[in-house]
Amino acid sequence: MQHFVREMENIAVWVADNVIDKDLLHKIISSILYEDEYSIALKLEIYEAVQRAEDNKQQ
């Protein structure tokens, strides 16, 4: 349960900043609940979403 709460705190910031969409949010929450860690594919999706948000901030 502590892992879920800690991860959701970080994810809540990304949701508030519109970094991740509903589809990615669903994948992240499912991964937290059902897997020991994020898959490589999910890590890549998260990374790409964060990078896009950072690139948009710099423009």
N, C-alpha and C. Protein backbone atom coordinates (compact mmCIF):
# COMPACT_ATOMS: atom_id res chain seq x y z
N MET A 1 0.82 -1.20 0.00
CA MET A 1 0.00 0.00 0.00
C MET A 1 0.86 1.26 0.00
N GLN A 2 1.96 1.25 0.72
CA GLN A 2 2.82 2.43 0.76
C GLN A 2 3.39 2.74 -0.62
N HIS A 3 3.73 1.68 -1.36
CA HIS A 3 4.25 1.87 -2.72
C HIS A 3 3.21 2.58 -3.58
N PHE A 4 1.96 2.15 -3.49
CA PHE A 4 0.89 2.75 -4.27
C PHE A 4 0.74 4.23 -3.93
N VAL A 5 0.70 4.56 -2.67
CA VAL A 5 0.52 5.95 -2.23
C VAL A 5 1.69 6.81 -2.70
N ARG A 6 2.90 6.31 -2.54
CA ARG A 6 4.08 7.08 -2.95
C ARG A 6 4.07 7.34 -4.45
N GLU A 7 3.78 6.30 -5.22
CA GLU A 7 3.74 6.45 -6.68
C GLU A 7 2.61 7.39 -7.11
N MET A 8 1.46 7.28 -6.47
CA MET A 8 0.32 8.12 -6.84
C MET A 8 0.57 9.59 -6.53
N GLU A 9 1.35 9.89 -5.51
CA GLU A 9 1.71 11.28 -5.23
C GLU A 9 2.47 11.87 -6.41
N ASN A 10 3.42 11.12 -6.93
CA ASN A 10 4.19 11.59 -8.09
C ASN A 10 3.31 11.72 -9.32
N ILE A 11 2.47 10.74 -9.53
CA ILE A 11 1.61 10.73 -10.71
C ILE A 11 0.58 11.85 -10.65
N ALA A 12 0.09 12.17 -9.47
CA ALA A 12 -0.89 13.25 -9.33
C ALA A 12 -0.34 14.57 -9.84
N VAL A 13 0.93 14.80 -9.63
CA VAL A 13 1.57 16.02 -10.13
C VAL A 13 1.56 16.02 -11.66
N TRP A 14 1.90 14.88 -12.26
CA TRP A 14 1.90 14.79 -13.73
C TRP A 14 0.49 14.98 -14.29
N VAL A 15 -0.51 14.44 -13.62
CA VAL A 15 -1.89 14.61 -14.09
C VAL A 15 -2.29 16.08 -13.99
N ALA A 16 -1.97 16.72 -12.89
CA ALA A 16 -2.30 18.13 -12.70
C ALA A 16 -1.62 19.01 -13.74
N ASP A 17 -0.42 18.63 -14.14
CA ASP A 17 0.33 19.40 -15.15
C ASP A 17 0.01 18.97 -16.57
N ASN A 18 -0.96 18.08 -16.74
CA ASN A 18 -1.35 17.55 -18.06
C ASN A 18 -0.19 16.90 -18.80
N VAL A 19 0.68 16.24 -18.06
CA VAL A 19 1.81 15.52 -18.65
C VAL A 19 1.35 14.17 -19.18
N ILE A 20 0.46 13.52 -18.45
CA ILE A 20 -0.02 12.20 -18.87
C ILE A 20 -1.53 12.26 -19.12
N ASP A 21 -1.97 11.45 -20.09
CA ASP A 21 -3.39 11.40 -20.41
C ASP A 21 -4.07 10.24 -19.66
N LYS A 22 -5.37 10.11 -19.87
CA LYS A 22 -6.14 9.08 -19.14
C LYS A 22 -5.67 7.67 -19.46
N ASP A 23 -5.33 7.43 -20.72
CA ASP A 23 -4.88 6.09 -21.12
C ASP A 23 -3.58 5.72 -20.40
N LEU A 24 -2.64 6.63 -20.39
CA LEU A 24 -1.37 6.36 -19.71
C LEU A 24 -1.58 6.26 -18.20
N LEU A 25 -2.44 7.08 -17.66
CA LEU A 25 -2.76 7.00 -16.23
C LEU A 25 -3.31 5.61 -15.88
N HIS A 26 -4.20 5.10 -16.70
CA HIS A 26 -4.77 3.77 -16.47
C HIS A 26 -3.67 2.71 -16.49
N LYS A 27 -2.77 2.80 -17.46
CA LYS A 27 -1.67 1.83 -17.54
C LYS A 27 -0.78 1.90 -16.30
N ILE A 28 -0.50 3.10 -15.84
CA ILE A 28 0.36 3.27 -14.67
C ILE A 28 -0.30 2.69 -13.42
N ILE A 29 -1.56 3.02 -13.20
CA ILE A 29 -2.26 2.52 -12.02
C ILE A 29 -2.38 1.00 -12.06
N SER A 30 -2.70 0.45 -13.22
CA SER A 30 -2.78 -1.01 -13.36
C SER A 30 -1.44 -1.66 -13.05
N SER A 31 -0.38 -1.05 -13.53
CA SER A 31 0.96 -1.59 -13.28
C SER A 31 1.30 -1.56 -11.79
N ILE A 32 0.97 -0.46 -11.14
CA ILE A 32 1.25 -0.35 -9.70
C ILE A 32 0.48 -1.42 -8.93
N LEU A 33 -0.76 -1.66 -9.31
CA LEU A 33 -1.59 -2.61 -8.58
C LEU A 33 -1.25 -4.07 -8.86
N TYR A 34 -0.87 -4.38 -10.10
CA TYR A 34 -0.76 -5.78 -10.50
C TYR A 34 0.65 -6.26 -10.81
N GLU A 35 1.62 -5.37 -10.86
CA GLU A 35 2.98 -5.78 -11.21
C GLU A 35 3.95 -5.30 -10.14
N ASP A 36 5.11 -5.93 -10.08
CA ASP A 36 6.13 -5.53 -9.11
C ASP A 36 6.79 -4.21 -9.49
N GLU A 37 6.93 -3.98 -10.79
CA GLU A 37 7.51 -2.72 -11.26
C GLU A 37 6.98 -2.44 -12.65
N TYR A 38 7.21 -1.22 -13.12
CA TYR A 38 6.77 -0.85 -14.45
C TYR A 38 7.50 -1.67 -15.50
N SER A 39 6.81 -2.04 -16.57
CA SER A 39 7.46 -2.71 -17.69
C SER A 39 8.35 -1.71 -18.43
N ILE A 40 9.25 -2.23 -19.22
CA ILE A 40 10.13 -1.37 -20.01
C ILE A 40 9.29 -0.49 -20.94
N ALA A 41 8.27 -1.07 -21.56
CA ALA A 41 7.42 -0.31 -22.47
C ALA A 41 6.71 0.83 -21.75
N LEU A 42 6.22 0.58 -20.55
CA LEU A 42 5.54 1.62 -19.79
C LEU A 42 6.52 2.69 -19.34
N LYS A 43 7.69 2.29 -18.91
CA LYS A 43 8.72 3.27 -18.54
C LYS A 43 9.02 4.19 -19.70
N LEU A 44 9.10 3.62 -20.90
CA LEU A 44 9.37 4.41 -22.09
C LEU A 44 8.22 5.38 -22.38
N GLU A 45 6.99 4.92 -22.24
CA GLU A 45 5.83 5.80 -22.44
C GLU A 45 5.84 6.97 -21.45
N ILE A 46 6.15 6.68 -20.20
CA ILE A 46 6.21 7.73 -19.18
C ILE A 46 7.32 8.72 -19.52
N TYR A 47 8.49 8.20 -19.87
CA TYR A 47 9.62 9.05 -20.23
C TYR A 47 9.26 9.96 -21.40
N GLU A 48 8.65 9.39 -22.44
CA GLU A 48 8.29 10.19 -23.62
C GLU A 48 7.27 11.27 -23.27
N ALA A 49 6.31 10.96 -22.42
CA ALA A 49 5.31 11.94 -22.02
C ALA A 49 5.95 13.08 -21.24
N VAL A 50 6.85 12.75 -20.33
CA VAL A 50 7.54 13.77 -19.53
C VAL A 50 8.42 14.63 -20.44
N GLN A 51 9.12 13.99 -21.38
CA GLN A 51 9.99 14.73 -22.31
C GLN A 51 9.17 15.69 -23.17
N ARG A 52 8.02 15.24 -23.67
CA ARG A 52 7.16 16.11 -24.47
C ARG A 52 6.72 17.33 -23.66
N ALA A 53 6.36 17.10 -22.41
CA ALA A 53 5.93 18.20 -21.54
C ALA A 53 7.07 19.17 -21.30
N GLU A 54 8.27 18.65 -21.08
CA GLU A 54 9.44 19.51 -20.88
C GLU A 54 9.76 20.31 -22.13
N ASP A 55 9.69 19.66 -23.29
CA ASP A 55 9.94 20.35 -24.56
C ASP A 55 8.93 21.46 -24.78
N ASN A 56 7.67 21.21 -24.45
CA ASN A 56 6.63 22.23 -24.62
C ASN A 56 6.84 23.41 -23.69
N LYS A 57 7.35 23.16 -22.50
CA LYS A 57 7.62 24.25 -21.54
C LYS A 57 8.73 25.16 -22.04
N GLN A 58 9.71 24.58 -22.74
CA GLN A 58 10.86 25.35 -23.20
C GLN A 58 10.54 26.18 -24.44
N GLN A 59 9.45 25.87 -25.12
CA GLN A 59 9.11 26.61 -26.35
C GLN A 59 8.32 27.84 -26.06
